Amino acid sequence: MSDQECFQHHMPGDVCFGCGSANPAGLHIHSYWQGEEAVCHWQPQKIHEGWEGITCGGIIATLIDCHCMATAMATAVKNEGRALGSEPHYRFATGMMNIKYLKPTLNDHQIEVRAHVTEIKNDKKYTLECGVYVNGEKTAEATVVAFLVHRSDQAGGGAFG
C-alpha cells in the first residue's frame, strides 16, 4: 500500500457529496496515509464560503466527516494486512461528530485534514480524532465515531444483526 494511494479510489459506487468520485458536483476529497495518520489536502473555492474569505462551517464538517469515514475504512483494511480495494469492501457511516471550531478557516488557502483512529470496539465502532489546518494552524478539531455498516462478504451487506 503506497503512502500516496487515495482511499476514495477504492470505495466502489461512492456517490457521496464530500468524497464520492462518482458525484460530479461533489468536493472530491482524496485521503491517503502519511505515516500512521490519514491526510487530506483540499482547496476551497469561492462557492465554499460561509462569509467573505472564510470557508463555510458545513463544508468543514463535510471534509471531517468524509475524511474520517475513509480513514476508518482504510484502517480496517490496513489492520487486516490487506491492500486497499481488496475484498471484502467496507462502508462506514457517521455515528457522531463533535466539532470544535477554533478559528476561521481561510477560504483562499489549501486546507489540510489529519485523522487517526483512537479506538476500535467489536471491529464495528471506530473512534477517530481529526484536525483541520490552514498554513499549519489548527482551525478546527473533532472527535468522530464511525460505524461499519456494510461488508461485501456478508449476506445483505449488513454489519449489524
N, C-alpha and C. Protein backbone atom coordinates (compact mmCIF):
# COMPACT_ATOMS: atom_id res chain seq x y z
N MET A 1 0.85 -1.18 0.00
CA MET A 1 0.00 0.00 0.00
C MET A 1 0.90 1.24 0.00
N SER A 2 0.85 2.01 -1.05
CA SER A 2 1.65 3.23 -1.19
C SER A 2 1.12 4.32 -0.27
N ASP A 3 2.03 5.15 0.25
CA ASP A 3 1.62 6.25 1.12
C ASP A 3 0.72 7.25 0.40
N GLN A 4 0.80 7.33 -0.92
CA GLN A 4 0.00 8.31 -1.65
C GLN A 4 -1.22 7.69 -2.32
N GLU A 5 -1.55 6.46 -1.98
CA GLU A 5 -2.70 5.79 -2.57
C GLU A 5 -3.99 6.35 -1.98
N CYS A 6 -4.82 6.93 -2.82
CA CYS A 6 -6.06 7.59 -2.38
C CYS A 6 -7.10 6.56 -1.92
N PHE A 7 -7.56 6.70 -0.68
CA PHE A 7 -8.56 5.78 -0.11
C PHE A 7 -9.83 5.76 -0.95
N GLN A 8 -10.29 6.94 -1.34
CA GLN A 8 -11.58 7.06 -2.02
C GLN A 8 -11.60 6.34 -3.37
N HIS A 9 -10.45 6.13 -3.99
CA HIS A 9 -10.41 5.41 -5.26
C HIS A 9 -10.74 3.93 -5.07
N HIS A 10 -10.82 3.49 -3.82
CA HIS A 10 -11.09 2.09 -3.52
C HIS A 10 -12.43 1.93 -2.79
N MET A 11 -13.34 2.86 -3.06
CA MET A 11 -14.66 2.81 -2.46
C MET A 11 -15.68 2.71 -3.60
N PRO A 12 -15.96 1.51 -4.09
CA PRO A 12 -16.83 1.34 -5.26
C PRO A 12 -18.21 1.95 -5.07
N GLY A 13 -18.70 2.61 -6.12
CA GLY A 13 -20.04 3.18 -6.10
C GLY A 13 -20.19 4.38 -5.19
N ASP A 14 -19.10 5.06 -4.85
CA ASP A 14 -19.15 6.17 -3.90
C ASP A 14 -19.70 7.42 -4.58
N VAL A 15 -20.95 7.75 -4.25
CA VAL A 15 -21.61 8.93 -4.82
C VAL A 15 -21.71 10.07 -3.80
N CYS A 16 -21.02 9.93 -2.68
CA CYS A 16 -21.09 10.92 -1.60
C CYS A 16 -20.70 12.31 -2.09
N PHE A 17 -21.37 13.34 -1.57
CA PHE A 17 -21.06 14.73 -1.92
C PHE A 17 -19.63 15.10 -1.56
N GLY A 18 -19.15 14.63 -0.42
CA GLY A 18 -17.81 15.02 0.03
C GLY A 18 -16.70 14.23 -0.62
N CYS A 19 -16.84 12.92 -0.66
CA CYS A 19 -15.71 12.10 -1.10
C CYS A 19 -15.96 11.30 -2.36
N GLY A 20 -17.17 11.32 -2.86
CA GLY A 20 -17.50 10.46 -3.99
C GLY A 20 -16.92 10.89 -5.32
N SER A 21 -16.10 10.02 -5.88
CA SER A 21 -15.56 10.32 -7.21
C SER A 21 -16.66 10.20 -8.27
N ALA A 22 -17.76 9.50 -7.92
CA ALA A 22 -18.88 9.34 -8.85
C ALA A 22 -19.90 10.48 -8.74
N ASN A 23 -19.59 11.53 -7.97
CA ASN A 23 -20.51 12.67 -7.82
C ASN A 23 -19.88 13.88 -8.51
N PRO A 24 -20.38 14.24 -9.70
CA PRO A 24 -19.76 15.36 -10.44
C PRO A 24 -19.85 16.70 -9.72
N ALA A 25 -20.80 16.88 -8.80
CA ALA A 25 -20.95 18.16 -8.09
C ALA A 25 -20.25 18.14 -6.74
N GLY A 26 -19.59 17.04 -6.38
CA GLY A 26 -19.03 16.88 -5.05
C GLY A 26 -17.70 17.56 -4.84
N LEU A 27 -17.18 17.41 -3.64
CA LEU A 27 -15.92 18.03 -3.24
C LEU A 27 -14.70 17.22 -3.71
N HIS A 28 -14.89 15.93 -3.95
CA HIS A 28 -13.83 15.05 -4.46
C HIS A 28 -12.58 15.05 -3.61
N ILE A 29 -12.74 14.90 -2.30
CA ILE A 29 -11.56 14.87 -1.44
C ILE A 29 -10.77 13.59 -1.66
N HIS A 30 -9.50 13.64 -1.40
CA HIS A 30 -8.60 12.50 -1.52
C HIS A 30 -7.82 12.35 -0.22
N SER A 31 -7.93 11.19 0.38
CA SER A 31 -7.25 10.89 1.64
C SER A 31 -6.20 9.82 1.39
N TYR A 32 -5.11 9.91 2.10
CA TYR A 32 -4.02 8.94 1.93
C TYR A 32 -3.23 8.86 3.23
N TRP A 33 -2.43 7.79 3.34
CA TRP A 33 -1.60 7.61 4.53
C TRP A 33 -0.37 8.49 4.48
N GLN A 34 -0.07 9.07 5.59
CA GLN A 34 1.20 9.76 5.80
C GLN A 34 1.70 9.25 7.15
N GLY A 35 2.50 8.20 7.09
CA GLY A 35 2.88 7.51 8.32
C GLY A 35 1.66 6.81 8.88
N GLU A 36 1.38 7.03 10.16
CA GLU A 36 0.23 6.40 10.82
C GLU A 36 -1.02 7.29 10.79
N GLU A 37 -0.92 8.42 10.13
CA GLU A 37 -2.03 9.37 10.08
C GLU A 37 -2.58 9.45 8.66
N ALA A 38 -3.89 9.62 8.56
CA ALA A 38 -4.51 9.84 7.26
C ALA A 38 -4.58 11.35 7.02
N VAL A 39 -4.21 11.76 5.81
CA VAL A 39 -4.13 13.18 5.47
C VAL A 39 -4.95 13.45 4.21
N CYS A 40 -5.55 14.61 4.18
CA CYS A 40 -6.29 15.08 3.01
C CYS A 40 -5.91 16.54 2.79
N HIS A 41 -5.59 16.90 1.56
CA HIS A 41 -5.37 18.31 1.19
C HIS A 41 -6.48 18.69 0.22
N TRP A 42 -7.10 19.82 0.47
CA TRP A 42 -8.23 20.24 -0.35
C TRP A 42 -8.23 21.76 -0.46
N GLN A 43 -8.51 22.23 -1.66
CA GLN A 43 -8.51 23.67 -1.93
C GLN A 43 -9.95 24.17 -2.08
N PRO A 44 -10.44 24.97 -1.13
CA PRO A 44 -11.79 25.52 -1.27
C PRO A 44 -11.85 26.55 -2.40
N GLN A 45 -13.04 26.74 -2.92
CA GLN A 45 -13.31 27.73 -3.96
C GLN A 45 -14.26 28.79 -3.39
N LYS A 46 -14.50 29.83 -4.14
CA LYS A 46 -15.38 30.92 -3.71
C LYS A 46 -16.77 30.40 -3.30
N ILE A 47 -17.27 29.38 -3.99
CA ILE A 47 -18.61 28.85 -3.68
C ILE A 47 -18.66 28.12 -2.33
N HIS A 48 -17.51 27.89 -1.71
CA HIS A 48 -17.47 27.19 -0.42
C HIS A 48 -17.40 28.15 0.76
N GLU A 49 -17.56 29.44 0.51
CA GLU A 49 -17.50 30.44 1.58
C GLU A 49 -18.79 30.47 2.40
N GLY A 50 -18.62 30.71 3.70
CA GLY A 50 -19.75 30.99 4.59
C GLY A 50 -19.88 32.50 4.75
N TRP A 51 -18.75 33.16 4.96
CA TRP A 51 -18.60 34.60 4.95
C TRP A 51 -17.47 34.92 4.00
N GLU A 52 -17.37 36.14 3.55
CA GLU A 52 -16.31 36.54 2.63
C GLU A 52 -14.94 36.09 3.16
N GLY A 53 -14.26 35.27 2.38
CA GLY A 53 -12.91 34.84 2.71
C GLY A 53 -12.81 33.71 3.73
N ILE A 54 -13.96 33.23 4.24
CA ILE A 54 -13.98 32.20 5.28
C ILE A 54 -14.74 30.98 4.75
N THR A 55 -14.15 29.80 4.91
CA THR A 55 -14.81 28.57 4.47
C THR A 55 -16.02 28.27 5.35
N CYS A 56 -17.10 27.89 4.72
CA CYS A 56 -18.35 27.54 5.40
C CYS A 56 -18.12 26.41 6.40
N GLY A 57 -18.67 26.55 7.59
CA GLY A 57 -18.54 25.53 8.62
C GLY A 57 -19.12 24.19 8.20
N GLY A 58 -20.17 24.21 7.40
CA GLY A 58 -20.77 22.96 6.91
C GLY A 58 -19.84 22.23 5.95
N ILE A 59 -19.09 22.98 5.16
CA ILE A 59 -18.10 22.37 4.26
C ILE A 59 -16.98 21.75 5.10
N ILE A 60 -16.56 22.43 6.14
CA ILE A 60 -15.52 21.89 7.02
C ILE A 60 -16.03 20.61 7.68
N ALA A 61 -17.27 20.61 8.13
CA ALA A 61 -17.86 19.40 8.73
C ALA A 61 -17.88 18.26 7.72
N THR A 62 -18.21 18.56 6.48
CA THR A 62 -18.23 17.54 5.44
C THR A 62 -16.84 16.98 5.19
N LEU A 63 -15.82 17.85 5.16
CA LEU A 63 -14.44 17.39 4.99
C LEU A 63 -14.06 16.43 6.12
N ILE A 64 -14.36 16.82 7.36
CA ILE A 64 -14.05 15.98 8.52
C ILE A 64 -14.79 14.65 8.42
N ASP A 65 -16.07 14.71 8.14
CA ASP A 65 -16.91 13.52 8.06
C ASP A 65 -16.37 12.54 7.02
N CYS A 66 -16.21 13.00 5.81
CA CYS A 66 -15.79 12.11 4.73
C CYS A 66 -14.36 11.61 4.90
N HIS A 67 -13.49 12.47 5.37
CA HIS A 67 -12.10 12.04 5.60
C HIS A 67 -12.07 10.97 6.69
N CYS A 68 -12.85 11.14 7.74
CA CYS A 68 -12.86 10.16 8.83
C CYS A 68 -13.50 8.83 8.41
N MET A 69 -14.56 8.85 7.61
CA MET A 69 -15.17 7.59 7.16
C MET A 69 -14.18 6.82 6.27
N ALA A 70 -13.49 7.53 5.40
CA ALA A 70 -12.49 6.88 4.55
C ALA A 70 -11.31 6.37 5.39
N THR A 71 -10.94 7.12 6.42
CA THR A 71 -9.84 6.71 7.30
C THR A 71 -10.23 5.45 8.08
N ALA A 72 -11.47 5.37 8.53
CA ALA A 72 -11.94 4.17 9.24
C ALA A 72 -11.85 2.96 8.30
N MET A 73 -12.32 3.11 7.06
CA MET A 73 -12.26 2.02 6.10
C MET A 73 -10.82 1.60 5.85
N ALA A 74 -9.95 2.56 5.60
CA ALA A 74 -8.55 2.26 5.30
C ALA A 74 -7.85 1.62 6.49
N THR A 75 -8.22 2.05 7.70
CA THR A 75 -7.65 1.46 8.91
C THR A 75 -8.08 0.00 9.05
N ALA A 76 -9.36 -0.28 8.80
CA ALA A 76 -9.86 -1.65 8.90
C ALA A 76 -9.11 -2.56 7.93
N VAL A 77 -8.93 -2.09 6.72
CA VAL A 77 -8.22 -2.88 5.70
C VAL A 77 -6.75 -3.04 6.07
N LYS A 78 -6.13 -1.96 6.51
CA LYS A 78 -4.72 -1.99 6.91
C LYS A 78 -4.50 -2.95 8.08
N ASN A 79 -5.41 -2.92 9.06
CA ASN A 79 -5.29 -3.79 10.23
C ASN A 79 -5.41 -5.27 9.86
N GLU A 80 -6.06 -5.54 8.73
CA GLU A 80 -6.18 -6.92 8.24
C GLU A 80 -5.02 -7.30 7.34
N GLY A 81 -4.08 -6.38 7.12
CA GLY A 81 -2.93 -6.66 6.28
C GLY A 81 -3.26 -6.78 4.81
N ARG A 82 -4.36 -6.15 4.39
CA ARG A 82 -4.81 -6.23 3.00
C ARG A 82 -4.51 -4.93 2.26
N ALA A 83 -4.55 -5.02 0.96
CA ALA A 83 -4.40 -3.84 0.10
C ALA A 83 -5.75 -3.14 -0.03
N LEU A 84 -5.71 -1.82 -0.15
CA LEU A 84 -6.93 -1.07 -0.45
C LEU A 84 -7.54 -1.63 -1.74
N GLY A 85 -8.85 -1.74 -1.76
CA GLY A 85 -9.53 -2.24 -2.94
C GLY A 85 -9.72 -3.74 -2.96
N SER A 86 -9.07 -4.46 -2.04
CA SER A 86 -9.23 -5.91 -1.98
C SER A 86 -10.54 -6.25 -1.27
N GLU A 87 -11.05 -7.43 -1.54
CA GLU A 87 -12.29 -7.89 -0.91
C GLU A 87 -12.02 -8.37 0.51
N PRO A 88 -12.93 -8.20 1.41
CA PRO A 88 -14.23 -7.55 1.22
C PRO A 88 -14.12 -6.03 1.29
N HIS A 89 -15.09 -5.36 0.63
CA HIS A 89 -15.19 -3.90 0.70
C HIS A 89 -16.01 -3.53 1.93
N TYR A 90 -15.59 -2.48 2.61
CA TYR A 90 -16.30 -2.00 3.80
C TYR A 90 -16.82 -0.59 3.54
N ARG A 91 -17.97 -0.30 4.15
CA ARG A 91 -18.51 1.06 4.15
C ARG A 91 -18.82 1.44 5.59
N PHE A 92 -18.45 2.66 5.92
CA PHE A 92 -18.69 3.21 7.25
C PHE A 92 -19.66 4.37 7.17
N ALA A 93 -20.42 4.58 8.23
CA ALA A 93 -21.35 5.71 8.34
C ALA A 93 -21.08 6.43 9.65
N THR A 94 -21.37 7.71 9.65
CA THR A 94 -21.12 8.54 10.82
C THR A 94 -22.13 8.24 11.92
N GLY A 95 -21.62 7.96 13.10
CA GLY A 95 -22.48 7.77 14.27
C GLY A 95 -22.54 9.03 15.12
N MET A 96 -21.42 9.79 15.12
CA MET A 96 -21.36 11.01 15.93
C MET A 96 -20.18 11.85 15.45
N MET A 97 -20.38 13.15 15.44
CA MET A 97 -19.29 14.10 15.18
C MET A 97 -19.41 15.22 16.19
N ASN A 98 -18.33 15.47 16.89
CA ASN A 98 -18.29 16.59 17.82
C ASN A 98 -17.16 17.50 17.33
N ILE A 99 -17.56 18.61 16.73
CA ILE A 99 -16.59 19.52 16.11
C ILE A 99 -16.44 20.77 16.96
N LYS A 100 -15.21 21.16 17.16
CA LYS A 100 -14.91 22.41 17.85
C LYS A 100 -14.22 23.31 16.83
N TYR A 101 -14.87 24.40 16.48
CA TYR A 101 -14.30 25.37 15.55
C TYR A 101 -13.43 26.33 16.38
N LEU A 102 -12.15 26.34 16.12
CA LEU A 102 -11.20 27.09 16.93
C LEU A 102 -10.97 28.51 16.42
N LYS A 103 -11.01 28.68 15.11
CA LYS A 103 -10.82 29.99 14.47
C LYS A 103 -11.30 29.88 13.04
N PRO A 104 -11.54 31.00 12.37
CA PRO A 104 -11.99 30.94 10.98
C PRO A 104 -10.97 30.21 10.09
N THR A 105 -11.50 29.41 9.18
CA THR A 105 -10.68 28.69 8.21
C THR A 105 -10.68 29.51 6.93
N LEU A 106 -9.54 30.07 6.60
CA LEU A 106 -9.44 30.92 5.40
C LEU A 106 -9.80 30.13 4.16
N ASN A 107 -10.51 30.79 3.27
CA ASN A 107 -11.02 30.13 2.07
C ASN A 107 -10.03 30.18 0.91
N ASP A 108 -9.03 31.04 0.97
CA ASP A 108 -8.12 31.18 -0.17
C ASP A 108 -6.82 30.40 0.02
N HIS A 109 -6.79 29.51 1.01
CA HIS A 109 -5.62 28.68 1.28
C HIS A 109 -6.03 27.21 1.26
N GLN A 110 -5.07 26.35 0.95
CA GLN A 110 -5.33 24.92 0.99
C GLN A 110 -5.61 24.48 2.42
N ILE A 111 -6.60 23.61 2.55
CA ILE A 111 -6.97 23.05 3.85
C ILE A 111 -6.33 21.67 3.96
N GLU A 112 -5.78 21.39 5.14
CA GLU A 112 -5.24 20.07 5.42
C GLU A 112 -6.07 19.45 6.53
N VAL A 113 -6.51 18.22 6.33
CA VAL A 113 -7.29 17.48 7.32
C VAL A 113 -6.47 16.25 7.70
N ARG A 114 -6.28 16.06 9.02
CA ARG A 114 -5.49 14.92 9.53
C ARG A 114 -6.34 14.13 10.52
N ALA A 115 -6.32 12.81 10.40
CA ALA A 115 -7.12 11.97 11.30
C ALA A 115 -6.40 10.66 11.59
N HIS A 116 -6.78 10.10 12.74
CA HIS A 116 -6.30 8.77 13.10
C HIS A 116 -7.32 8.12 14.03
N VAL A 117 -7.36 6.81 13.97
CA VAL A 117 -8.26 6.04 14.82
C VAL A 117 -7.66 5.94 16.21
N THR A 118 -8.47 6.21 17.22
CA THR A 118 -8.00 6.12 18.61
C THR A 118 -8.55 4.91 19.33
N GLU A 119 -9.66 4.34 18.83
CA GLU A 119 -10.26 3.19 19.49
C GLU A 119 -11.11 2.41 18.50
N ILE A 120 -11.10 1.09 18.64
CA ILE A 120 -11.95 0.21 17.84
C ILE A 120 -12.65 -0.73 18.80
N LYS A 121 -13.99 -0.81 18.68
CA LYS A 121 -14.78 -1.72 19.52
C LYS A 121 -15.50 -2.72 18.63
N ASN A 122 -15.34 -4.00 18.94
CA ASN A 122 -16.05 -5.08 18.25
C ASN A 122 -15.87 -5.06 16.73
N ASP A 123 -14.78 -4.51 16.26
CA ASP A 123 -14.50 -4.40 14.82
C ASP A 123 -15.58 -3.65 14.05
N LYS A 124 -16.45 -2.91 14.74
CA LYS A 124 -17.56 -2.22 14.08
C LYS A 124 -17.66 -0.74 14.43
N LYS A 125 -17.13 -0.34 15.58
CA LYS A 125 -17.24 1.05 16.03
C LYS A 125 -15.83 1.63 16.13
N TYR A 126 -15.55 2.62 15.32
CA TYR A 126 -14.23 3.25 15.27
C TYR A 126 -14.36 4.68 15.77
N THR A 127 -13.51 5.06 16.72
CA THR A 127 -13.46 6.44 17.20
C THR A 127 -12.21 7.08 16.61
N LEU A 128 -12.37 8.27 16.08
CA LEU A 128 -11.26 8.98 15.44
C LEU A 128 -11.10 10.37 16.01
N GLU A 129 -9.87 10.86 15.99
CA GLU A 129 -9.57 12.26 16.29
C GLU A 129 -9.14 12.89 14.97
N CYS A 130 -9.60 14.12 14.75
CA CYS A 130 -9.35 14.78 13.48
C CYS A 130 -9.04 16.26 13.71
N GLY A 131 -8.11 16.79 12.94
CA GLY A 131 -7.79 18.21 12.99
C GLY A 131 -7.82 18.82 11.60
N VAL A 132 -8.22 20.08 11.55
CA VAL A 132 -8.25 20.85 10.29
C VAL A 132 -7.23 21.97 10.43
N TYR A 133 -6.41 22.15 9.40
CA TYR A 133 -5.31 23.11 9.45
C TYR A 133 -5.28 23.97 8.19
N VAL A 134 -4.88 25.22 8.38
CA VAL A 134 -4.57 26.12 7.28
C VAL A 134 -3.24 26.77 7.62
N ASN A 135 -2.30 26.67 6.70
CA ASN A 135 -0.94 27.21 6.93
C ASN A 135 -0.34 26.72 8.24
N GLY A 136 -0.59 25.46 8.58
CA GLY A 136 -0.03 24.88 9.79
C GLY A 136 -0.75 25.22 11.08
N GLU A 137 -1.77 26.08 11.02
CA GLU A 137 -2.54 26.46 12.21
C GLU A 137 -3.82 25.65 12.27
N LYS A 138 -4.10 25.08 13.44
CA LYS A 138 -5.33 24.30 13.61
C LYS A 138 -6.52 25.25 13.71
N THR A 139 -7.51 25.03 12.85
CA THR A 139 -8.70 25.87 12.84
C THR A 139 -9.93 25.14 13.38
N ALA A 140 -9.88 23.81 13.39
CA ALA A 140 -10.99 23.01 13.92
C ALA A 140 -10.45 21.66 14.36
N GLU A 141 -11.16 21.05 15.31
CA GLU A 141 -10.81 19.70 15.74
C GLU A 141 -12.09 18.94 16.01
N ALA A 142 -12.03 17.63 15.87
CA ALA A 142 -13.24 16.84 16.03
C ALA A 142 -12.94 15.45 16.57
N THR A 143 -13.93 14.94 17.28
CA THR A 143 -13.98 13.52 17.63
C THR A 143 -15.13 12.95 16.82
N VAL A 144 -14.86 11.85 16.14
CA VAL A 144 -15.84 11.27 15.23
C VAL A 144 -15.98 9.79 15.54
N VAL A 145 -17.21 9.30 15.52
CA VAL A 145 -17.47 7.87 15.65
C VAL A 145 -18.00 7.37 14.32
N ALA A 146 -17.35 6.33 13.81
CA ALA A 146 -17.73 5.71 12.54
C ALA A 146 -18.20 4.29 12.82
N PHE A 147 -19.31 3.90 12.21
CA PHE A 147 -19.83 2.54 12.35
C PHE A 147 -19.68 1.80 11.03
N LEU A 148 -19.20 0.57 11.11
CA LEU A 148 -19.16 -0.29 9.94
C LEU A 148 -20.59 -0.71 9.64
N VAL A 149 -21.10 -0.31 8.47
CA VAL A 149 -22.50 -0.59 8.12
C VAL A 149 -22.64 -1.50 6.90
N HIS A 150 -21.53 -1.79 6.23
CA HIS A 150 -21.61 -2.65 5.05
C HIS A 150 -20.33 -3.44 4.90
N ARG A 151 -20.48 -4.74 4.65
CA ARG A 151 -19.37 -5.64 4.32
C ARG A 151 -19.80 -6.40 3.07
N SER A 152 -18.99 -6.36 2.04
CA SER A 152 -19.38 -7.02 0.80
C SER A 152 -19.35 -8.54 0.91
N ASP A 153 -18.79 -9.08 1.99
CA ASP A 153 -18.72 -10.54 2.14
C ASP A 153 -19.83 -11.11 3.04
N GLN A 154 -20.79 -10.28 3.42
CA GLN A 154 -21.89 -10.76 4.25
C GLN A 154 -23.21 -10.67 3.49
N ALA A 155 -24.06 -11.64 3.69
CA ALA A 155 -25.37 -11.65 3.03
C ALA A 155 -26.09 -10.36 3.34
N GLY A 156 -26.56 -9.68 2.34
CA GLY A 156 -27.24 -8.41 2.51
C GLY A 156 -26.31 -7.26 2.75
N GLY A 157 -25.02 -7.54 2.95
CA GLY A 157 -24.02 -6.49 3.12
C GLY A 157 -23.99 -5.83 4.48
N GLY A 158 -24.93 -6.19 5.36
CA GLY A 158 -25.02 -5.52 6.64
C GLY A 158 -23.94 -5.94 7.63
N ALA A 159 -23.60 -5.06 8.53
CA ALA A 159 -22.61 -5.36 9.56
C ALA A 159 -23.28 -5.61 10.90
N PHE A 160 -24.53 -5.20 11.04
CA PHE A 160 -25.24 -5.34 12.31
C PHE A 160 -26.30 -6.41 12.16
N GLY A 161 -26.48 -7.19 13.21
CA GLY A 161 -27.51 -8.21 13.06
C GLY A 161 -27.94 -8.83 14.33
